């Protein structure tokens, strides 16, 4: 899970940037937790060094982004800092606070995707609760965000991802324990679904990246509540 903070006093601009990040996460099967702060002072007062990346607007009414970044660096000298500005000349000052990059508003998604890919490649690697799958020829490591759902087939569990399937001899209980706290929920006894990839619920159907899966009557209520809770939490991140 990559934790990202957006510091932007303009709510429309913040929404656009957040939408770009969530679209990127959806397209690449990545797990990203996005928090938006419209007040930079509140962000700094409550800051704890558990973000991987901070998008910092430069022109803000209460405190400009440069001053805020200097205070941020006093609290955390490792977090990746990316400036967001409507005037390119201000971005040059980012070197004073070790900013990794800058983006100029308004930002198109293709341009954002290129810059974001470059930024992600520079993030330090860390333990993200990856799942190790034994294959016929070796091993494959999957990040939880890459997994769309896990399905029981006989005595195997099949991990469905955006581009491939991987099967492994194990129980669904062991999979559920390994992915605990990563935003997964069972829609029936044989399917464990990544809520980040759910498009919609309709009757007893769950649509995951365009694929229809079936909910069971006993699990319908708890799964629907888990999805609603997850979606509400993402809305106010």
C-alpha atoms as a PDB file:
ATOM      1  CA  UNK A   1       0.000   0.000   0.000  1.00  0.00           C
ATOM      2  CA  UNK A   2       1.389   3.374  -1.062  1.00  0.00           C
ATOM      3  CA  UNK A   3       0.252   6.253   1.154  1.00  0.00           C
ATOM      4  CA  UNK A   4      -0.151   9.605  -0.585  1.00  0.00           C
ATOM      5  CA  UNK A   5      -1.086  13.052   0.757  1.00  0.00           C
ATOM      6  CA  UNK A   6      -2.430  15.869  -1.429  1.00  0.00           C
ATOM      7  CA  UNK A   7      -2.077  19.396  -0.010  1.00  0.00           C
ATOM      8  CA  UNK A   8      -4.262  21.684  -2.117  1.00  0.00           C
ATOM      9  CA  UNK A   9      -6.592  24.502  -1.022  1.00  0.00           C
ATOM     10  CA  UNK A  10      -8.555  24.445  -4.301  1.00  0.00           C
ATOM     11  CA  UNK A  11     -11.070  21.597  -3.969  1.00  0.00           C
ATOM     12  CA  UNK A  12     -11.559  21.202  -7.725  1.00  0.00           C
ATOM     13  CA  UNK A  13      -7.811  20.948  -8.316  1.00  0.00           C
ATOM     14  CA  UNK A  14      -7.471  18.492  -5.442  1.00  0.00           C
ATOM     15  CA  UNK A  15     -10.312  16.359  -6.858  1.00  0.00           C
ATOM     16  CA  UNK A  16      -8.666  16.293 -10.294  1.00  0.00           C
ATOM     17  CA  UNK A  17      -5.332  15.154  -8.881  1.00  0.00           C
ATOM     18  CA  UNK A  18      -6.962  12.539  -6.669  1.00  0.00           C
ATOM     19  CA  UNK A  19      -8.938  11.234  -9.663  1.00  0.00           C
ATOM     20  CA  UNK A  20      -5.702  10.897 -11.660  1.00  0.00           C
ATOM     21  CA  UNK A  21      -4.080   8.909  -8.830  1.00  0.00           C
ATOM     22  CA  UNK A  22      -7.075   6.592  -8.394  1.00  0.00           C
ATOM     23  CA  UNK A  23      -7.331   6.039 -12.146  1.00  0.00           C
ATOM     24  CA  UNK A  24      -3.646   5.145 -12.260  1.00  0.00           C
ATOM     25  CA  UNK A  25      -4.059   2.736  -9.330  1.00  0.00           C
ATOM     26  CA  UNK A  26      -7.037   1.085 -11.038  1.00  0.00           C
ATOM     27  CA  UNK A  27      -5.235   0.727 -14.376  1.00  0.00           C
ATOM     28  CA  UNK A  28      -2.064  -0.689 -12.823  1.00  0.00           C
ATOM     29  CA  UNK A  29      -3.647  -2.808 -10.098  1.00  0.00           C
ATOM     30  CA  UNK A  30      -1.817  -0.891  -7.375  1.00  0.00           C
ATOM     31  CA  UNK A  31      -2.952  -0.344  -3.794  1.00  0.00           C
ATOM     32  CA  UNK A  32      -2.883   3.368  -2.946  1.00  0.00           C
ATOM     33  CA  UNK A  33      -4.297   5.217   0.030  1.00  0.00           C
ATOM     34  CA  UNK A  34      -4.947   8.897  -0.784  1.00  0.00           C
ATOM     35  CA  UNK A  35      -5.571  11.602   1.822  1.00  0.00           C
ATOM     36  CA  UNK A  36      -6.536  15.157   0.831  1.00  0.00           C
ATOM     37  CA  UNK A  37      -5.798  18.209   3.002  1.00  0.00           C
ATOM     38  CA  UNK A  38      -7.223  21.611   2.089  1.00  0.00           C
ATOM     39  CA  UNK A  39      -5.477  23.283   5.038  1.00  0.00           C
ATOM     40  CA  UNK A  40      -1.694  22.961   5.070  1.00  0.00           C
ATOM     41  CA  UNK A  41      -1.433  24.038   8.724  1.00  0.00           C
ATOM     42  CA  UNK A  42      -3.731  21.203   9.814  1.00  0.00           C
ATOM     43  CA  UNK A  43      -1.667  18.796   7.714  1.00  0.00           C
ATOM     44  CA  UNK A  44       1.586  19.880   9.372  1.00  0.00           C
ATOM     45  CA  UNK A  45       0.150  19.872  12.886  1.00  0.00           C
ATOM     46  CA  UNK A  46      -1.158  16.316  12.537  1.00  0.00           C
ATOM     47  CA  UNK A  47       1.703  15.022  10.409  1.00  0.00           C
ATOM     48  CA  UNK A  48       3.311  11.707  11.210  1.00  0.00           C
ATOM     49  CA  UNK A  49       6.004  10.242   9.009  1.00  0.00           C
ATOM     50  CA  UNK A  50       3.921   7.468   7.479  1.00  0.00           C
ATOM     51  CA  UNK A  51       3.354   8.871   3.977  1.00  0.00           C
ATOM     52  CA  UNK A  52       5.332   7.702   0.973  1.00  0.00           C
ATOM     53  CA  UNK A  53       4.563  10.705  -1.215  1.00  0.00           C
ATOM     54  CA  UNK A  54       3.274  14.270  -0.712  1.00  0.00           C
ATOM     55  CA  UNK A  55       1.859  16.454  -3.484  1.00  0.00           C
ATOM     56  CA  UNK A  56       2.307  20.040  -2.282  1.00  0.00           C
ATOM     57  CA  UNK A  57       0.581  23.038  -3.868  1.00  0.00           C
ATOM     58  CA  UNK A  58       2.891  26.066  -3.912  1.00  0.00           C
ATOM     59  CA  UNK A  59       0.394  28.936  -3.947  1.00  0.00           C
ATOM     60  CA  UNK A  60      -1.819  28.680  -0.839  1.00  0.00           C
ATOM     61  CA  UNK A  61      -3.442  31.472   1.185  1.00  0.00           C
ATOM     62  CA  UNK A  62      -2.390  30.583   4.751  1.00  0.00           C
ATOM     63  CA  UNK A  63       1.145  29.414   4.063  1.00  0.00           C
ATOM     64  CA  UNK A  64       2.972  29.025   0.755  1.00  0.00           C
ATOM     65  CA  UNK A  65       4.181  25.630  -0.303  1.00  0.00           C
ATOM     66  CA  UNK A  66       7.862  26.444   0.082  1.00  0.00           C
ATOM     67  CA  UNK A  67       7.518  27.431   3.748  1.00  0.00           C
ATOM     68  CA  UNK A  68       5.279  24.419   4.352  1.00  0.00           C
ATOM     69  CA  UNK A  69       7.837  22.143   2.704  1.00  0.00           C
ATOM     70  CA  UNK A  70      10.626  23.462   4.913  1.00  0.00           C
ATOM     71  CA  UNK A  71       8.516  22.634   7.984  1.00  0.00           C
ATOM     72  CA  UNK A  72       7.684  19.230   6.506  1.00  0.00           C
ATOM     73  CA  UNK A  73      11.365  18.465   6.043  1.00  0.00           C
ATOM     74  CA  UNK A  74      11.973  19.191   9.730  1.00  0.00           C
ATOM     75  CA  UNK A  75       9.506  16.415  10.542  1.00  0.00           C
ATOM     76  CA  UNK A  76      10.352  14.015   7.732  1.00  0.00           C
ATOM     77  CA  UNK A  77      13.432  14.175   5.531  1.00  0.00           C
ATOM     78  CA  UNK A  78      12.612  10.988   3.596  1.00  0.00           C
ATOM     79  CA  UNK A  79       9.074  11.402   2.229  1.00  0.00           C
ATOM     80  CA  UNK A  80       8.938  12.005  -1.526  1.00  0.00           C
ATOM     81  CA  UNK A  81       7.837  15.592  -2.205  1.00  0.00           C
ATOM     82  CA  UNK A  82       6.272  16.709  -5.497  1.00  0.00           C
ATOM     83  CA  UNK A  83       5.288  20.329  -6.102  1.00  0.00           C
ATOM     84  CA  UNK A  84       2.034  21.295  -7.777  1.00  0.00           C
ATOM     85  CA  UNK A  85       2.048  24.762  -9.341  1.00  0.00           C
ATOM     86  CA  UNK A  86       0.356  26.873 -11.988  1.00  0.00           C
ATOM     87  CA  UNK A  87       3.590  28.787 -12.624  1.00  0.00           C
ATOM     88  CA  UNK A  88       6.571  26.772 -13.742  1.00  0.00           C
ATOM     89  CA  UNK A  89       9.188  29.213 -12.429  1.00  0.00           C
ATOM     90  CA  UNK A  90       8.242  28.457  -8.816  1.00  0.00           C
ATOM     91  CA  UNK A  91       9.120  24.807  -9.271  1.00  0.00           C
ATOM     92  CA  UNK A  92      12.845  25.623  -9.463  1.00  0.00           C
ATOM     93  CA  UNK A  93      12.795  26.457  -5.757  1.00  0.00           C
ATOM     94  CA  UNK A  94      11.909  22.857  -5.029  1.00  0.00           C
ATOM     95  CA  UNK A  95      15.561  21.885  -4.962  1.00  0.00           C
ATOM     96  CA  UNK A  96      15.901  23.759  -1.667  1.00  0.00           C
ATOM     97  CA  UNK A  97      13.671  21.197   0.030  1.00  0.00           C
ATOM     98  CA  UNK A  98      14.707  18.155  -2.020  1.00  0.00           C
ATOM     99  CA  UNK A  99      11.540  18.009  -4.081  1.00  0.00           C
ATOM    100  CA  UNK A 100      11.637  15.047  -6.455  1.00  0.00           C
ATOM    101  CA  UNK A 101       9.582  16.623  -9.223  1.00  0.00           C
ATOM    102  CA  UNK A 102       6.894  19.178 -10.027  1.00  0.00           C
ATOM    103  CA  UNK A 103       3.660  19.136 -11.991  1.00  0.00           C
ATOM    104  CA  UNK A 104       2.108  22.167 -13.643  1.00  0.00           C
ATOM    105  CA  UNK A 105      -1.645  22.814 -13.453  1.00  0.00           C
ATOM    106  CA  UNK A 106      -3.863  22.060 -15.260  1.00  0.00           C
ATOM    107  CA  UNK A 107      -2.486  18.545 -15.657  1.00  0.00           C
ATOM    108  CA  UNK A 108      -3.659  16.072 -18.281  1.00  0.00           C
ATOM    109  CA  UNK A 109      -3.837  12.396 -17.301  1.00  0.00           C
ATOM    110  CA  UNK A 110      -1.228  11.197 -19.861  1.00  0.00           C
ATOM    111  CA  UNK A 111       1.307  13.720 -18.553  1.00  0.00           C
ATOM    112  CA  UNK A 112       0.484  12.841 -14.948  1.00  0.00           C
ATOM    113  CA  UNK A 113       0.832   9.119 -15.679  1.00  0.00           C
ATOM    114  CA  UNK A 114       4.338   9.579 -17.047  1.00  0.00           C
ATOM    115  CA  UNK A 115       5.496  11.680 -14.096  1.00  0.00           C
ATOM    116  CA  UNK A 116       3.801   9.411 -11.553  1.00  0.00           C
ATOM    117  CA  UNK A 117       5.401   6.292 -13.033  1.00  0.00           C
ATOM    118  CA  UNK A 118       8.804   7.963 -12.753  1.00  0.00           C
ATOM    119  CA  UNK A 119       8.111   9.004  -9.158  1.00  0.00           C
ATOM    120  CA  UNK A 120       6.965   5.524  -8.138  1.00  0.00           C
ATOM    121  CA  UNK A 121      10.139   4.016  -9.578  1.00  0.00           C
ATOM    122  CA  UNK A 122      12.146   6.158  -7.138  1.00  0.00           C
ATOM    123  CA  UNK A 123      10.239   5.137  -4.014  1.00  0.00           C
ATOM    124  CA  UNK A 124      12.272   2.975  -1.643  1.00  0.00           C
ATOM    125  CA  UNK A 125      11.174  -0.647  -1.592  1.00  0.00           C
ATOM    126  CA  UNK A 126       9.542  -1.892   1.579  1.00  0.00           C
ATOM    127  CA  UNK A 127       7.574  -4.833   2.886  1.00  0.00           C
ATOM    128  CA  UNK A 128       4.009  -4.379   1.669  1.00  0.00           C
ATOM    129  CA  UNK A 129       2.553  -7.722   2.694  1.00  0.00           C
ATOM    130  CA  UNK A 130       3.239  -9.287  -0.712  1.00  0.00           C
ATOM    131  CA  UNK A 131       1.870 -12.747  -1.490  1.00  0.00           C
ATOM    132  CA  UNK A 132       4.392 -15.324  -2.737  1.00  0.00           C
ATOM    133  CA  UNK A 133       2.928 -17.795  -5.258  1.00  0.00           C
ATOM    134  CA  UNK A 134       4.752 -21.029  -6.115  1.00  0.00           C
ATOM    135  CA  UNK A 135       4.473 -21.811  -9.822  1.00  0.00           C
ATOM    136  CA  UNK A 136       5.668 -24.773 -11.887  1.00  0.00           C
ATOM    137  CA  UNK A 137       8.839 -22.913 -12.826  1.00  0.00           C
ATOM    138  CA  UNK A 138       9.517 -20.800  -9.750  1.00  0.00           C
ATOM    139  CA  UNK A 139       7.818 -18.098  -7.711  1.00  0.00           C
ATOM    140  CA  UNK A 140       5.740 -14.980  -8.382  1.00  0.00           C
ATOM    141  CA  UNK A 141       5.351 -12.152  -5.880  1.00  0.00           C
ATOM    142  CA  UNK A 142       1.972 -10.357  -5.956  1.00  0.00           C
ATOM    143  CA  UNK A 143       1.142  -7.098  -4.218  1.00  0.00           C
ATOM    144  CA  UNK A 144      -2.334  -7.202  -2.609  1.00  0.00           C
ATOM    145  CA  UNK A 145      -3.457  -4.336  -4.853  1.00  0.00           C
ATOM    146  CA  UNK A 146      -2.703  -6.412  -7.957  1.00  0.00           C
ATOM    147  CA  UNK A 147      -5.144  -9.123  -6.909  1.00  0.00           C
ATOM    148  CA  UNK A 148      -8.721  -8.561  -8.104  1.00  0.00           C
ATOM    149  CA  UNK A 149     -10.159 -11.662  -6.425  1.00  0.00           C
ATOM    150  CA  UNK A 150      -9.202 -15.119  -5.205  1.00  0.00           C
ATOM    151  CA  UNK A 151     -11.248 -18.170  -6.177  1.00  0.00           C
ATOM    152  CA  UNK A 152     -11.346 -21.697  -4.726  1.00  0.00           C
ATOM    153  CA  UNK A 153     -11.041 -24.462  -7.309  1.00  0.00           C
ATOM    154  CA  UNK A 154     -10.856 -27.914  -5.787  1.00  0.00           C
ATOM    155  CA  UNK A 155      -7.947 -27.922  -3.355  1.00  0.00           C
ATOM    156  CA  UNK A 156      -6.333 -24.884  -4.993  1.00  0.00           C
ATOM    157  CA  UNK A 157      -6.806 -21.143  -4.728  1.00  0.00           C
ATOM    158  CA  UNK A 158      -6.644 -19.162  -7.960  1.00  0.00           C
ATOM    159  CA  UNK A 159      -5.357 -15.588  -7.709  1.00  0.00           C
ATOM    160  CA  UNK A 160      -6.908 -13.401 -10.404  1.00  0.00           C
ATOM    161  CA  UNK A 161      -4.968 -10.275 -11.358  1.00  0.00           C
ATOM    162  CA  UNK A 162      -5.446  -7.678 -14.091  1.00  0.00           C
ATOM    163  CA  UNK A 163      -3.345  -9.634 -16.573  1.00  0.00           C
ATOM    164  CA  UNK A 164      -2.982 -13.222 -15.376  1.00  0.00           C
ATOM    165  CA  UNK A 165      -4.097 -16.057 -13.078  1.00  0.00           C
ATOM    166  CA  UNK A 166      -1.958 -17.964 -10.584  1.00  0.00           C
ATOM    167  CA  UNK A 167      -3.024 -21.116  -8.746  1.00  0.00           C
ATOM    168  CA  UNK A 168      -1.592 -22.504  -5.553  1.00  0.00           C
ATOM    169  CA  UNK A 169      -2.406 -25.442  -3.309  1.00  0.00           C
ATOM    170  CA  UNK A 170      -3.802 -23.868  -0.125  1.00  0.00           C
ATOM    171  CA  UNK A 171      -6.997 -23.140   1.787  1.00  0.00           C
ATOM    172  CA  UNK A 172      -9.148 -20.041   1.424  1.00  0.00           C
ATOM    173  CA  UNK A 173      -8.765 -19.506   5.178  1.00  0.00           C
ATOM    174  CA  UNK A 174      -4.995 -19.130   4.817  1.00  0.00           C
ATOM    175  CA  UNK A 175      -5.462 -16.661   1.938  1.00  0.00           C
ATOM    176  CA  UNK A 176      -7.950 -14.642   3.974  1.00  0.00           C
ATOM    177  CA  UNK A 177      -5.523 -14.470   6.897  1.00  0.00           C
ATOM    178  CA  UNK A 178      -2.650 -13.391   4.627  1.00  0.00           C
ATOM    179  CA  UNK A 179      -4.763 -10.589   3.132  1.00  0.00           C
ATOM    180  CA  UNK A 180      -6.378  -9.480   6.389  1.00  0.00           C
ATOM    181  CA  UNK A 181      -6.565  -5.688   6.636  1.00  0.00           C
ATOM    182  CA  UNK A 182      -5.870  -5.206   2.917  1.00  0.00           C
ATOM    183  CA  UNK A 183      -9.473  -4.436   1.850  1.00  0.00           C
ATOM    184  CA  UNK A 184     -10.682  -7.928   0.898  1.00  0.00           C
ATOM    185  CA  UNK A 185     -14.067  -9.518   1.709  1.00  0.00           C
ATOM    186  CA  UNK A 186     -15.807 -12.770   0.830  1.00  0.00           C
ATOM    187  CA  UNK A 187     -18.904 -12.547  -1.358  1.00  0.00           C
ATOM    188  CA  UNK A 188     -19.454 -16.298  -1.033  1.00  0.00           C
ATOM    189  CA  UNK A 189     -17.564 -19.267   0.454  1.00  0.00           C
ATOM    190  CA  UNK A 190     -15.421 -19.638  -2.642  1.00  0.00           C
ATOM    191  CA  UNK A 191     -14.613 -16.032  -3.630  1.00  0.00           C
ATOM    192  CA  UNK A 192     -12.511 -13.437  -1.792  1.00  0.00           C
ATOM    193  CA  UNK A 193     -12.817 -10.048  -3.518  1.00  0.00           C
ATOM    194  CA  UNK A 194     -10.552  -6.986  -3.472  1.00  0.00           C
ATOM    195  CA  UNK A 195     -13.016  -4.162  -2.704  1.00  0.00           C
ATOM    196  CA  UNK A 196     -10.784  -1.648  -4.509  1.00  0.00           C
ATOM    197  CA  UNK A 197     -11.624  -3.365  -7.805  1.00  0.00           C
ATOM    198  CA  UNK A 198     -15.412  -3.602  -7.317  1.00  0.00           C
ATOM    199  CA  UNK A 199     -17.364  -1.587  -9.900  1.00  0.00           C
ATOM    200  CA  UNK A 200     -20.854  -2.097  -8.487  1.00  0.00           C
ATOM    201  CA  UNK A 201     -23.245  -4.401  -6.646  1.00  0.00           C
ATOM    202  CA  UNK A 202     -26.531  -5.381  -8.255  1.00  0.00           C
ATOM    203  CA  UNK A 203     -28.861  -7.936  -6.701  1.00  0.00           C
ATOM    204  CA  UNK A 204     -26.706 -10.954  -5.984  1.00  0.00           C
ATOM    205  CA  UNK A 205     -24.040  -9.896  -8.490  1.00  0.00           C
ATOM    206  CA  UNK A 206     -20.669  -8.286  -7.802  1.00  0.00           C
ATOM    207  CA  UNK A 207     -18.985  -6.607 -10.760  1.00  0.00           C
ATOM    208  CA  UNK A 208     -15.175  -6.729 -10.480  1.00  0.00           C
ATOM    209  CA  UNK A 209     -13.377  -4.877 -13.283  1.00  0.00           C
ATOM    210  CA  UNK A 210     -16.274  -5.696 -15.605  1.00  0.00           C
ATOM    211  CA  UNK A 211     -16.524  -9.368 -14.596  1.00  0.00           C
ATOM    212  CA  UNK A 212     -19.719 -10.571 -12.913  1.00  0.00           C
ATOM    213  CA  UNK A 213     -19.294 -12.675  -9.764  1.00  0.00           C
ATOM    214  CA  UNK A 214     -22.027 -14.125  -7.580  1.00  0.00           C
ATOM    215  CA  UNK A 215     -22.803 -13.293  -3.952  1.00  0.00           C
ATOM    216  CA  UNK A 216     -24.404 -15.900  -1.725  1.00  0.00           C
ATOM    217  CA  UNK A 217     -27.490 -15.008   0.318  1.00  0.00           C
ATOM    218  CA  UNK A 218     -25.741 -15.663   3.673  1.00  0.00           C
ATOM    219  CA  UNK A 219     -22.814 -13.361   2.793  1.00  0.00           C
ATOM    220  CA  UNK A 220     -24.737 -10.665   0.905  1.00  0.00           C
ATOM    221  CA  UNK A 221     -25.346  -8.401   3.911  1.00  0.00           C
ATOM    222  CA  UNK A 222     -21.809  -8.525   5.340  1.00  0.00           C
ATOM    223  CA  UNK A 223     -20.188  -8.113   1.926  1.00  0.00           C
ATOM    224  CA  UNK A 224     -22.428  -5.161   1.007  1.00  0.00           C
ATOM    225  CA  UNK A 225     -21.677  -3.509   4.351  1.00  0.00           C
ATOM    226  CA  UNK A 226     -17.926  -4.073   3.880  1.00  0.00           C
ATOM    227  CA  UNK A 227     -18.076  -2.508   0.416  1.00  0.00           C
ATOM    228  CA  UNK A 228     -20.105   0.472   1.666  1.00  0.00           C
ATOM    229  CA  UNK A 229     -17.716   1.022   4.574  1.00  0.00           C
ATOM    230  CA  UNK A 230     -14.682   0.755   2.288  1.00  0.00           C
ATOM    231  CA  UNK A 231     -16.161   3.174  -0.263  1.00  0.00           C
ATOM    232  CA  UNK A 232     -17.098   5.692   2.428  1.00  0.00           C
ATOM    233  CA  UNK A 233     -13.607   5.570   3.919  1.00  0.00           C
ATOM    234  CA  UNK A 234     -12.045   6.187   0.493  1.00  0.00           C
ATOM    235  CA  UNK A 235     -14.348   9.163  -0.072  1.00  0.00           C
ATOM    236  CA  UNK A 236     -13.009  10.984   2.974  1.00  0.00           C
ATOM    237  CA  UNK A 237      -9.354   9.919   2.776  1.00  0.00           C
END
